[in-house]
Amino acid sequence: MSSNTIKSNNGKIRCKNSRERVIKSILEVGDFVNRLWYFSKSVLGLIFRHPVTGTSIIPIFADGRIVLARRHDTERWTLPGGMVEWGEEIATTVRRELLEETGLELVRISRLVGVYSKPDRDPRVHSICVVVEAEVQGKIQIQDKQEICEVEAFNPKDLPLVGLSYDNDEQLKNYLDGLTILA
């Protein structure tokens, strides 16, 4: 055997250079993946340099019951709501998200509860959340079954006020205390 050949475990003879080329290729792929990841993070940083705007809705039936939805991903109760789409006004987002997640119809937006902007309030992305109280009507019927697994109307005294998704427990407590928040 020459100095350029090696015997593998299965007894076959191959070139050392072949093994070195494989290792070098693996390292090059790893380097490419690292550069691609760095580039992707840079592009995402440019695209998402600014927070995303969203809404949370405190839906109130005429009898005073407050509607919450249970999310599939967190399995926690949450206020209905979502991200504002390009070219959409907040009121339109409220109407759309309310219908998608609860099947309920917006009668009117009653008041602004607050604007929440802490960078860590949503683990998915830095978002600014506009929270509104909304008078609603209709029959509860989940439209977005990928995101929502349950919707229920609670008497205010029976609301689950701990362990809601994101910062919805803070939003709901502020609402029940009659506060308007800029946080």
N, C-alpha and C. Protein backbone atom coordinates (compact mmCIF):
# COMPACT_ATOMS: atom_id res chain seq x y z
N MET A 1 0.84 -1.18 0.00
CA MET A 1 0.00 0.00 0.00
C MET A 1 0.88 1.24 0.00
N SER A 2 0.48 2.22 -0.79
CA SER A 2 1.25 3.46 -0.83
C SER A 2 0.88 4.35 0.35
N SER A 3 1.64 5.43 0.54
CA SER A 3 1.37 6.34 1.66
C SER A 3 0.10 7.16 1.41
N ASN A 4 -0.42 7.10 0.19
CA ASN A 4 -1.64 7.84 -0.14
C ASN A 4 -2.89 7.00 0.03
N THR A 5 -2.75 5.74 0.41
CA THR A 5 -3.91 4.87 0.55
C THR A 5 -4.06 4.42 1.99
N ILE A 6 -5.32 4.13 2.34
CA ILE A 6 -5.61 3.61 3.68
C ILE A 6 -6.57 2.45 3.53
N LYS A 7 -6.57 1.57 4.49
CA LYS A 7 -7.47 0.43 4.49
C LYS A 7 -8.62 0.76 5.43
N SER A 8 -9.85 0.69 4.93
CA SER A 8 -11.00 1.00 5.76
C SER A 8 -11.40 -0.20 6.59
N ASN A 9 -12.39 -0.02 7.47
CA ASN A 9 -12.85 -1.10 8.36
C ASN A 9 -13.36 -2.31 7.58
N ASN A 10 -13.96 -2.06 6.42
CA ASN A 10 -14.51 -3.18 5.65
C ASN A 10 -13.46 -3.81 4.73
N GLY A 11 -12.20 -3.38 4.86
CA GLY A 11 -11.12 -4.00 4.11
C GLY A 11 -10.85 -3.37 2.76
N LYS A 12 -11.68 -2.43 2.34
CA LYS A 12 -11.47 -1.78 1.05
C LYS A 12 -10.37 -0.74 1.18
N ILE A 13 -9.67 -0.58 0.10
CA ILE A 13 -8.59 0.39 0.07
C ILE A 13 -9.10 1.65 -0.62
N ARG A 14 -8.83 2.80 0.02
CA ARG A 14 -9.22 4.07 -0.60
C ARG A 14 -8.12 5.09 -0.35
N CYS A 15 -8.19 6.18 -1.03
CA CYS A 15 -7.18 7.23 -0.93
C CYS A 15 -7.42 8.09 0.30
N LYS A 16 -6.32 8.51 0.93
CA LYS A 16 -6.43 9.47 2.03
C LYS A 16 -7.03 10.76 1.53
N ASN A 17 -6.66 11.13 0.33
CA ASN A 17 -7.16 12.38 -0.25
C ASN A 17 -8.69 12.38 -0.33
N SER A 18 -9.27 11.21 -0.59
CA SER A 18 -10.72 11.09 -0.67
C SER A 18 -11.35 11.45 0.67
N ARG A 19 -10.80 10.90 1.73
CA ARG A 19 -11.31 11.20 3.08
C ARG A 19 -11.14 12.68 3.40
N GLU A 20 -10.00 13.22 3.06
CA GLU A 20 -9.74 14.64 3.31
C GLU A 20 -10.71 15.52 2.53
N ARG A 21 -11.02 15.11 1.29
CA ARG A 21 -11.97 15.87 0.47
C ARG A 21 -13.36 15.85 1.10
N VAL A 22 -13.78 14.70 1.63
CA VAL A 22 -15.09 14.58 2.29
C VAL A 22 -15.13 15.50 3.51
N ILE A 23 -14.11 15.45 4.32
CA ILE A 23 -14.06 16.30 5.52
C ILE A 23 -14.08 17.77 5.12
N LYS A 24 -13.30 18.11 4.10
CA LYS A 24 -13.26 19.50 3.64
C LYS A 24 -14.63 19.93 3.12
N SER A 25 -15.32 19.05 2.40
CA SER A 25 -16.67 19.36 1.89
C SER A 25 -17.65 19.59 3.03
N ILE A 26 -17.57 18.74 4.06
CA ILE A 26 -18.45 18.90 5.22
C ILE A 26 -18.20 20.24 5.90
N LEU A 27 -16.94 20.58 6.05
CA LEU A 27 -16.60 21.86 6.67
C LEU A 27 -17.09 23.04 5.83
N GLU A 28 -16.96 22.90 4.50
CA GLU A 28 -17.44 23.96 3.61
C GLU A 28 -18.96 24.12 3.71
N VAL A 29 -19.69 22.99 3.78
CA VAL A 29 -21.14 23.04 3.94
C VAL A 29 -21.49 23.71 5.26
N GLY A 30 -20.79 23.34 6.33
CA GLY A 30 -21.02 23.96 7.63
C GLY A 30 -20.77 25.45 7.59
N ASP A 31 -19.70 25.85 6.92
CA ASP A 31 -19.39 27.27 6.78
C ASP A 31 -20.48 27.98 5.98
N PHE A 32 -20.95 27.33 4.91
CA PHE A 32 -22.02 27.91 4.10
C PHE A 32 -23.29 28.09 4.94
N VAL A 33 -23.65 27.06 5.73
CA VAL A 33 -24.84 27.13 6.58
C VAL A 33 -24.70 28.28 7.59
N ASN A 34 -23.52 28.42 8.18
CA ASN A 34 -23.29 29.52 9.13
C ASN A 34 -23.44 30.88 8.45
N ARG A 35 -22.86 31.01 7.26
CA ARG A 35 -22.98 32.28 6.53
C ARG A 35 -24.43 32.55 6.13
N LEU A 36 -25.14 31.50 5.72
CA LEU A 36 -26.55 31.64 5.35
C LEU A 36 -27.39 32.07 6.56
N TRP A 37 -27.12 31.46 7.72
CA TRP A 37 -27.84 31.82 8.94
C TRP A 37 -27.57 33.28 9.30
N TYR A 38 -26.31 33.72 9.24
CA TYR A 38 -25.96 35.10 9.54
C TYR A 38 -26.67 36.05 8.58
N PHE A 39 -26.66 35.71 7.29
CA PHE A 39 -27.33 36.53 6.28
C PHE A 39 -28.83 36.59 6.55
N SER A 40 -29.45 35.44 6.86
CA SER A 40 -30.89 35.38 7.13
C SER A 40 -31.25 36.22 8.34
N LYS A 41 -30.45 36.14 9.40
CA LYS A 41 -30.71 36.95 10.58
C LYS A 41 -30.62 38.44 10.24
N SER A 42 -29.67 38.80 9.40
CA SER A 42 -29.52 40.20 9.01
C SER A 42 -30.73 40.68 8.22
N VAL A 43 -31.18 39.87 7.28
CA VAL A 43 -32.36 40.23 6.47
C VAL A 43 -33.60 40.33 7.36
N LEU A 44 -33.81 39.34 8.23
CA LEU A 44 -34.96 39.38 9.13
C LEU A 44 -34.89 40.60 10.04
N GLY A 45 -33.68 40.95 10.48
CA GLY A 45 -33.51 42.14 11.31
C GLY A 45 -33.92 43.41 10.57
N LEU A 46 -33.62 43.46 9.27
CA LEU A 46 -34.03 44.62 8.48
C LEU A 46 -35.54 44.65 8.26
N ILE A 47 -36.11 43.48 7.96
CA ILE A 47 -37.55 43.40 7.71
C ILE A 47 -38.33 43.69 8.98
N PHE A 48 -37.92 43.07 10.09
CA PHE A 48 -38.65 43.20 11.34
C PHE A 48 -37.99 44.18 12.30
N ARG A 49 -37.34 45.18 11.74
CA ARG A 49 -36.65 46.15 12.58
C ARG A 49 -37.62 46.92 13.45
N HIS A 50 -38.83 47.00 13.00
CA HIS A 50 -39.87 47.71 13.74
C HIS A 50 -40.86 46.69 14.29
N PRO A 51 -41.44 47.00 15.44
CA PRO A 51 -42.43 46.07 16.01
C PRO A 51 -43.63 45.89 15.09
N VAL A 52 -44.26 44.75 15.23
CA VAL A 52 -45.47 44.42 14.49
C VAL A 52 -46.66 44.90 15.32
N THR A 53 -47.69 45.42 14.67
CA THR A 53 -48.87 45.91 15.38
C THR A 53 -49.95 44.84 15.38
N GLY A 54 -50.57 44.68 16.54
CA GLY A 54 -51.64 43.71 16.67
C GLY A 54 -52.75 44.25 17.57
N THR A 55 -53.76 43.44 17.76
CA THR A 55 -54.88 43.82 18.61
C THR A 55 -55.21 42.69 19.58
N SER A 56 -55.76 43.06 20.71
CA SER A 56 -56.46 42.14 21.60
C SER A 56 -57.83 42.73 21.81
N ILE A 57 -58.82 41.88 21.83
CA ILE A 57 -60.21 42.32 21.93
C ILE A 57 -60.81 41.76 23.20
N ILE A 58 -61.48 42.61 23.96
CA ILE A 58 -62.24 42.16 25.12
C ILE A 58 -63.69 42.19 24.69
N PRO A 59 -64.19 41.05 24.17
CA PRO A 59 -65.55 40.98 23.64
C PRO A 59 -66.56 40.86 24.78
N ILE A 60 -67.56 41.75 24.78
CA ILE A 60 -68.57 41.78 25.83
C ILE A 60 -69.94 41.58 25.20
N PHE A 61 -70.66 40.55 25.69
CA PHE A 61 -72.05 40.36 25.29
C PHE A 61 -72.92 41.38 26.04
N ALA A 62 -74.11 41.61 25.55
CA ALA A 62 -75.03 42.56 26.17
C ALA A 62 -75.32 42.21 27.64
N ASP A 63 -75.24 40.92 27.99
CA ASP A 63 -75.50 40.50 29.38
C ASP A 63 -74.26 40.63 30.27
N GLY A 64 -73.15 41.16 29.72
CA GLY A 64 -71.94 41.41 30.50
C GLY A 64 -70.91 40.30 30.48
N ARG A 65 -71.22 39.16 29.86
CA ARG A 65 -70.24 38.07 29.78
C ARG A 65 -69.09 38.47 28.86
N ILE A 66 -67.90 38.01 29.23
CA ILE A 66 -66.67 38.31 28.48
C ILE A 66 -66.21 37.02 27.79
N VAL A 67 -65.88 37.14 26.52
CA VAL A 67 -65.52 35.98 25.70
C VAL A 67 -63.99 35.81 25.66
N LEU A 68 -63.56 34.58 25.94
CA LEU A 68 -62.16 34.20 25.81
C LEU A 68 -62.06 33.00 24.87
N ALA A 69 -60.90 32.86 24.25
CA ALA A 69 -60.64 31.73 23.37
C ALA A 69 -59.47 30.94 23.94
N ARG A 70 -59.44 29.65 23.69
CA ARG A 70 -58.30 28.82 24.10
C ARG A 70 -57.49 28.51 22.85
N ARG A 71 -56.19 28.81 22.92
CA ARG A 71 -55.29 28.61 21.79
C ARG A 71 -54.80 27.17 21.74
N HIS A 72 -54.62 26.66 20.52
CA HIS A 72 -54.05 25.31 20.35
C HIS A 72 -52.59 25.27 20.79
N ASP A 73 -51.80 26.29 20.39
CA ASP A 73 -50.36 26.23 20.62
C ASP A 73 -49.96 26.34 22.09
N THR A 74 -50.65 27.15 22.87
CA THR A 74 -50.30 27.31 24.28
C THR A 74 -51.24 26.55 25.21
N GLU A 75 -52.38 26.14 24.68
CA GLU A 75 -53.45 25.51 25.46
C GLU A 75 -53.92 26.40 26.60
N ARG A 76 -53.76 27.70 26.44
CA ARG A 76 -54.17 28.67 27.45
C ARG A 76 -55.29 29.54 26.90
N TRP A 77 -56.05 30.09 27.84
CA TRP A 77 -57.07 31.06 27.45
C TRP A 77 -56.38 32.34 26.99
N THR A 78 -57.03 33.02 26.07
CA THR A 78 -56.49 34.25 25.52
C THR A 78 -57.62 35.16 25.11
N LEU A 79 -57.31 36.43 24.98
CA LEU A 79 -58.26 37.35 24.37
C LEU A 79 -58.18 37.15 22.86
N PRO A 80 -59.31 37.19 22.17
CA PRO A 80 -59.24 37.12 20.71
C PRO A 80 -58.42 38.31 20.19
N GLY A 81 -57.80 38.12 19.06
CA GLY A 81 -57.02 39.20 18.47
C GLY A 81 -55.98 38.66 17.52
N GLY A 82 -55.21 39.57 16.95
CA GLY A 82 -54.17 39.16 16.01
C GLY A 82 -53.50 40.34 15.37
N MET A 83 -52.65 40.05 14.40
CA MET A 83 -51.84 41.07 13.74
C MET A 83 -52.65 41.87 12.73
N VAL A 84 -52.31 43.14 12.66
CA VAL A 84 -52.91 44.03 11.66
C VAL A 84 -52.28 43.69 10.31
N GLU A 85 -53.12 43.45 9.33
CA GLU A 85 -52.62 43.14 7.99
C GLU A 85 -52.29 44.43 7.25
N TRP A 86 -51.42 44.31 6.27
CA TRP A 86 -51.00 45.46 5.47
C TRP A 86 -52.23 46.15 4.87
N GLY A 87 -52.33 47.47 5.04
CA GLY A 87 -53.43 48.25 4.48
C GLY A 87 -54.71 48.19 5.30
N GLU A 88 -54.65 47.61 6.49
CA GLU A 88 -55.84 47.42 7.31
C GLU A 88 -55.84 48.39 8.49
N GLU A 89 -57.00 48.92 8.83
CA GLU A 89 -57.16 49.76 10.01
C GLU A 89 -57.38 48.87 11.23
N ILE A 90 -57.10 49.41 12.41
CA ILE A 90 -57.28 48.65 13.66
C ILE A 90 -58.72 48.14 13.77
N ALA A 91 -59.70 48.99 13.49
CA ALA A 91 -61.11 48.58 13.61
C ALA A 91 -61.43 47.40 12.69
N THR A 92 -60.84 47.39 11.51
CA THR A 92 -61.05 46.29 10.57
C THR A 92 -60.40 45.01 11.10
N THR A 93 -59.21 45.15 11.70
CA THR A 93 -58.54 44.00 12.30
C THR A 93 -59.38 43.43 13.44
N VAL A 94 -59.93 44.30 14.26
CA VAL A 94 -60.78 43.86 15.37
C VAL A 94 -61.96 43.05 14.84
N ARG A 95 -62.63 43.59 13.84
CA ARG A 95 -63.80 42.91 13.26
C ARG A 95 -63.40 41.55 12.67
N ARG A 96 -62.32 41.53 11.91
CA ARG A 96 -61.86 40.30 11.24
C ARG A 96 -61.43 39.24 12.25
N GLU A 97 -60.58 39.61 13.20
CA GLU A 97 -60.07 38.65 14.18
C GLU A 97 -61.18 38.13 15.08
N LEU A 98 -62.10 38.99 15.47
CA LEU A 98 -63.24 38.58 16.29
C LEU A 98 -64.05 37.51 15.57
N LEU A 99 -64.35 37.75 14.31
CA LEU A 99 -65.11 36.78 13.51
C LEU A 99 -64.33 35.48 13.32
N GLU A 100 -63.04 35.58 12.96
CA GLU A 100 -62.22 34.39 12.71
C GLU A 100 -62.11 33.50 13.94
N GLU A 101 -61.89 34.11 15.10
CA GLU A 101 -61.59 33.32 16.28
C GLU A 101 -62.81 32.93 17.11
N THR A 102 -63.89 33.71 17.01
CA THR A 102 -65.06 33.43 17.86
C THR A 102 -66.36 33.25 17.09
N GLY A 103 -66.39 33.70 15.85
CA GLY A 103 -67.63 33.67 15.07
C GLY A 103 -68.57 34.80 15.42
N LEU A 104 -68.15 35.69 16.32
CA LEU A 104 -69.03 36.77 16.77
C LEU A 104 -68.92 38.00 15.89
N GLU A 105 -69.99 38.77 15.89
CA GLU A 105 -70.08 39.99 15.10
C GLU A 105 -69.79 41.20 15.99
N LEU A 106 -69.00 42.11 15.49
CA LEU A 106 -68.70 43.35 16.20
C LEU A 106 -69.89 44.29 16.10
N VAL A 107 -70.42 44.72 17.24
CA VAL A 107 -71.47 45.73 17.26
C VAL A 107 -70.80 47.10 17.24
N ARG A 108 -69.87 47.31 18.19
CA ARG A 108 -69.09 48.56 18.20
C ARG A 108 -67.91 48.41 19.13
N ILE A 109 -66.87 49.17 18.86
CA ILE A 109 -65.73 49.26 19.76
C ILE A 109 -66.11 50.29 20.82
N SER A 110 -66.15 49.86 22.09
CA SER A 110 -66.62 50.70 23.17
C SER A 110 -65.56 51.65 23.70
N ARG A 111 -64.35 51.13 23.88
CA ARG A 111 -63.29 52.00 24.40
C ARG A 111 -61.92 51.38 24.18
N LEU A 112 -60.93 52.24 24.23
CA LEU A 112 -59.54 51.82 24.20
C LEU A 112 -59.15 51.43 25.63
N VAL A 113 -58.67 50.21 25.79
CA VAL A 113 -58.23 49.74 27.10
C VAL A 113 -56.76 50.08 27.30
N GLY A 114 -55.97 49.97 26.24
CA GLY A 114 -54.56 50.30 26.37
C GLY A 114 -53.74 49.94 25.15
N VAL A 115 -52.49 50.38 25.21
CA VAL A 115 -51.50 50.05 24.20
C VAL A 115 -50.32 49.44 24.95
N TYR A 116 -50.00 48.20 24.61
CA TYR A 116 -48.97 47.43 25.30
C TYR A 116 -47.81 47.20 24.35
N SER A 117 -46.58 47.60 24.76
CA SER A 117 -45.47 47.56 23.82
C SER A 117 -44.18 46.97 24.39
N LYS A 118 -44.23 46.31 25.54
CA LYS A 118 -43.00 45.72 26.09
C LYS A 118 -42.42 44.74 25.07
N PRO A 119 -41.12 44.83 24.78
CA PRO A 119 -40.52 43.97 23.76
C PRO A 119 -40.69 42.48 24.02
N ASP A 120 -40.85 42.07 25.27
CA ASP A 120 -40.96 40.64 25.57
C ASP A 120 -42.39 40.20 25.84
N ARG A 121 -43.38 41.02 25.52
CA ARG A 121 -44.78 40.68 25.83
C ARG A 121 -45.29 39.51 24.98
N ASP A 122 -44.71 39.30 23.82
CA ASP A 122 -45.08 38.19 22.95
C ASP A 122 -43.78 37.47 22.59
N PRO A 123 -43.65 36.19 22.96
CA PRO A 123 -42.38 35.48 22.71
C PRO A 123 -42.06 35.28 21.23
N ARG A 124 -43.04 35.44 20.36
CA ARG A 124 -42.82 35.19 18.93
C ARG A 124 -42.13 36.34 18.24
N VAL A 125 -42.49 37.58 18.62
CA VAL A 125 -41.98 38.76 17.91
C VAL A 125 -42.26 39.98 18.78
N HIS A 126 -41.45 41.03 18.60
CA HIS A 126 -41.74 42.29 19.30
C HIS A 126 -42.98 42.89 18.65
N SER A 127 -44.03 43.02 19.44
CA SER A 127 -45.28 43.55 18.89
C SER A 127 -45.86 44.61 19.80
N ILE A 128 -46.59 45.51 19.20
CA ILE A 128 -47.36 46.51 19.92
C ILE A 128 -48.81 46.09 19.81
N CYS A 129 -49.46 45.97 20.97
CA CYS A 129 -50.83 45.46 20.99
C CYS A 129 -51.79 46.57 21.43
N VAL A 130 -52.76 46.84 20.58
CA VAL A 130 -53.82 47.80 20.88
C VAL A 130 -54.99 46.98 21.42
N VAL A 131 -55.36 47.25 22.67
CA VAL A 131 -56.42 46.48 23.33
C VAL A 131 -57.68 47.32 23.40
N VAL A 132 -58.78 46.72 22.94
CA VAL A 132 -60.07 47.43 22.93
C VAL A 132 -61.16 46.59 23.58
N GLU A 133 -62.13 47.28 24.15
CA GLU A 133 -63.36 46.63 24.60
C GLU A 133 -64.33 46.71 23.43
N ALA A 134 -65.03 45.61 23.17
CA ALA A 134 -65.94 45.58 22.03
C ALA A 134 -67.27 44.95 22.42
N GLU A 135 -68.35 45.61 22.07
CA GLU A 135 -69.67 45.01 22.23
C GLU A 135 -69.86 44.05 21.07
N VAL A 136 -70.32 42.83 21.38
CA VAL A 136 -70.45 41.79 20.36
C VAL A 136 -71.82 41.14 20.44
N GLN A 137 -72.15 40.47 19.36
CA GLN A 137 -73.40 39.70 19.31
C GLN A 137 -73.19 38.50 18.41
N GLY A 138 -74.14 37.57 18.49
CA GLY A 138 -74.08 36.39 17.64
C GLY A 138 -73.87 35.14 18.44
N LYS A 139 -73.64 34.07 17.69
CA LYS A 139 -73.44 32.75 18.28
C LYS A 139 -71.95 32.41 18.23
N ILE A 140 -71.42 31.94 19.34
CA ILE A 140 -70.01 31.54 19.37
C ILE A 140 -69.81 30.34 18.44
N GLN A 141 -68.88 30.50 17.51
CA GLN A 141 -68.57 29.44 16.55
C GLN A 141 -67.16 29.68 16.03
N ILE A 142 -66.25 28.80 16.38
CA ILE A 142 -64.85 28.94 15.97
C ILE A 142 -64.75 28.85 14.45
N GLN A 143 -64.11 29.83 13.85
CA GLN A 143 -63.85 29.80 12.41
C GLN A 143 -62.43 29.30 12.13
N ASP A 144 -61.46 29.77 12.92
CA ASP A 144 -60.05 29.41 12.73
C ASP A 144 -59.71 28.25 13.66
N LYS A 145 -59.99 27.04 13.22
CA LYS A 145 -59.79 25.85 14.05
C LYS A 145 -58.32 25.44 14.14
N GLN A 146 -57.45 26.03 13.32
CA GLN A 146 -56.01 25.77 13.41
C GLN A 146 -55.42 26.47 14.63
N GLU A 147 -55.94 27.65 14.95
CA GLU A 147 -55.39 28.46 16.03
C GLU A 147 -56.17 28.31 17.33
N ILE A 148 -57.49 28.19 17.23
CA ILE A 148 -58.37 28.21 18.40
C ILE A 148 -59.05 26.85 18.56
N CYS A 149 -59.06 26.34 19.81
CA CYS A 149 -59.69 25.03 20.04
C CYS A 149 -60.96 25.15 20.89
N GLU A 150 -61.17 26.29 21.53
CA GLU A 150 -62.35 26.44 22.39
C GLU A 150 -62.63 27.93 22.58
N VAL A 151 -63.90 28.28 22.66
CA VAL A 151 -64.32 29.65 22.96
C VAL A 151 -65.42 29.57 24.00
N GLU A 152 -65.34 30.45 24.99
CA GLU A 152 -66.34 30.43 26.04
C GLU A 152 -66.62 31.85 26.53
N ALA A 153 -67.87 32.11 26.91
CA ALA A 153 -68.26 33.40 27.50
C ALA A 153 -68.33 33.22 29.01
N PHE A 154 -67.60 34.06 29.74
CA PHE A 154 -67.50 33.96 31.19
C PHE A 154 -68.20 35.14 31.86
N ASN A 155 -68.85 34.89 32.99
CA ASN A 155 -69.27 35.99 33.84
C ASN A 155 -67.99 36.61 34.39
N PRO A 156 -67.94 37.94 34.54
CA PRO A 156 -66.69 38.58 34.99
C PRO A 156 -66.12 37.96 36.26
N LYS A 157 -66.96 37.54 37.20
CA LYS A 157 -66.46 36.96 38.46
C LYS A 157 -65.86 35.57 38.25
N ASP A 158 -66.13 34.92 37.13
CA ASP A 158 -65.64 33.57 36.86
C ASP A 158 -64.46 33.53 35.88
N LEU A 159 -63.96 34.69 35.47
CA LEU A 159 -62.87 34.73 34.51
C LEU A 159 -61.59 34.10 35.06
N PRO A 160 -60.91 33.31 34.24
CA PRO A 160 -59.57 32.84 34.65
C PRO A 160 -58.60 34.02 34.47
N LEU A 161 -58.10 34.58 35.54
CA LEU A 161 -57.27 35.79 35.45
C LEU A 161 -55.78 35.51 35.59
N VAL A 162 -55.40 34.26 35.69
CA VAL A 162 -53.99 33.90 35.83
C VAL A 162 -53.64 32.87 34.77
N GLY A 163 -52.46 33.02 34.19
CA GLY A 163 -51.99 32.02 33.23
C GLY A 163 -52.56 32.15 31.84
N LEU A 164 -53.04 33.34 31.48
CA LEU A 164 -53.52 33.55 30.11
C LEU A 164 -52.33 33.64 29.16
N SER A 165 -52.56 33.47 27.88
CA SER A 165 -51.49 33.59 26.90
C SER A 165 -50.93 35.01 26.87
N TYR A 166 -49.63 35.07 26.57
CA TYR A 166 -48.92 36.33 26.41
C TYR A 166 -49.13 37.20 27.64
N ASP A 167 -49.50 38.46 27.47
CA ASP A 167 -49.75 39.33 28.62
C ASP A 167 -51.24 39.64 28.75
N ASN A 168 -52.08 38.72 28.28
CA ASN A 168 -53.52 38.95 28.32
C ASN A 168 -54.08 39.04 29.73
N ASP A 169 -53.45 38.38 30.72
CA ASP A 169 -53.94 38.50 32.09
C ASP A 169 -53.77 39.94 32.59
N GLU A 170 -52.64 40.57 32.26
CA GLU A 170 -52.42 41.97 32.63
C GLU A 170 -53.44 42.88 31.93
N GLN A 171 -53.67 42.62 30.65
CA GLN A 171 -54.63 43.43 29.89
C GLN A 171 -56.04 43.30 30.48
N LEU A 172 -56.43 42.09 30.79
CA LEU A 172 -57.77 41.85 31.33
C LEU A 172 -57.93 42.46 32.73
N LYS A 173 -56.91 42.33 33.57
CA LYS A 173 -56.95 42.94 34.91
C LYS A 173 -57.06 44.46 34.80
N ASN A 174 -56.28 45.06 33.91
CA ASN A 174 -56.36 46.51 33.72
C ASN A 174 -57.76 46.93 33.27
N TYR A 175 -58.34 46.15 32.38
CA TYR A 175 -59.70 46.43 31.92
C TYR A 175 -60.69 46.36 33.09
N LEU A 176 -60.62 45.29 33.86
CA LEU A 176 -61.55 45.13 34.99
C LEU A 176 -61.37 46.21 36.05
N ASP A 177 -60.15 46.77 36.15
CA ASP A 177 -59.90 47.86 37.08
C ASP A 177 -60.27 49.23 36.50
N GLY A 178 -60.77 49.23 35.25
CA GLY A 178 -61.19 50.47 34.62
C GLY A 178 -60.05 51.36 34.16
N LEU A 179 -58.87 50.79 34.00
CA LEU A 179 -57.70 51.57 33.61
C LEU A 179 -57.56 51.68 32.09
N THR A 180 -56.91 52.74 31.66
CA THR A 180 -56.45 52.87 30.28
C THR A 180 -54.94 52.96 30.38
N ILE A 181 -54.25 52.04 29.74
CA ILE A 181 -52.81 51.84 29.94
C ILE A 181 -52.00 52.17 28.69
N LEU A 182 -50.85 52.78 28.91
CA LEU A 182 -49.83 52.90 27.88
C LEU A 182 -48.59 52.28 28.50
N ALA A 183 -48.30 51.05 28.12
CA ALA A 183 -47.20 50.32 28.76
C ALA A 183 -46.25 49.74 27.73
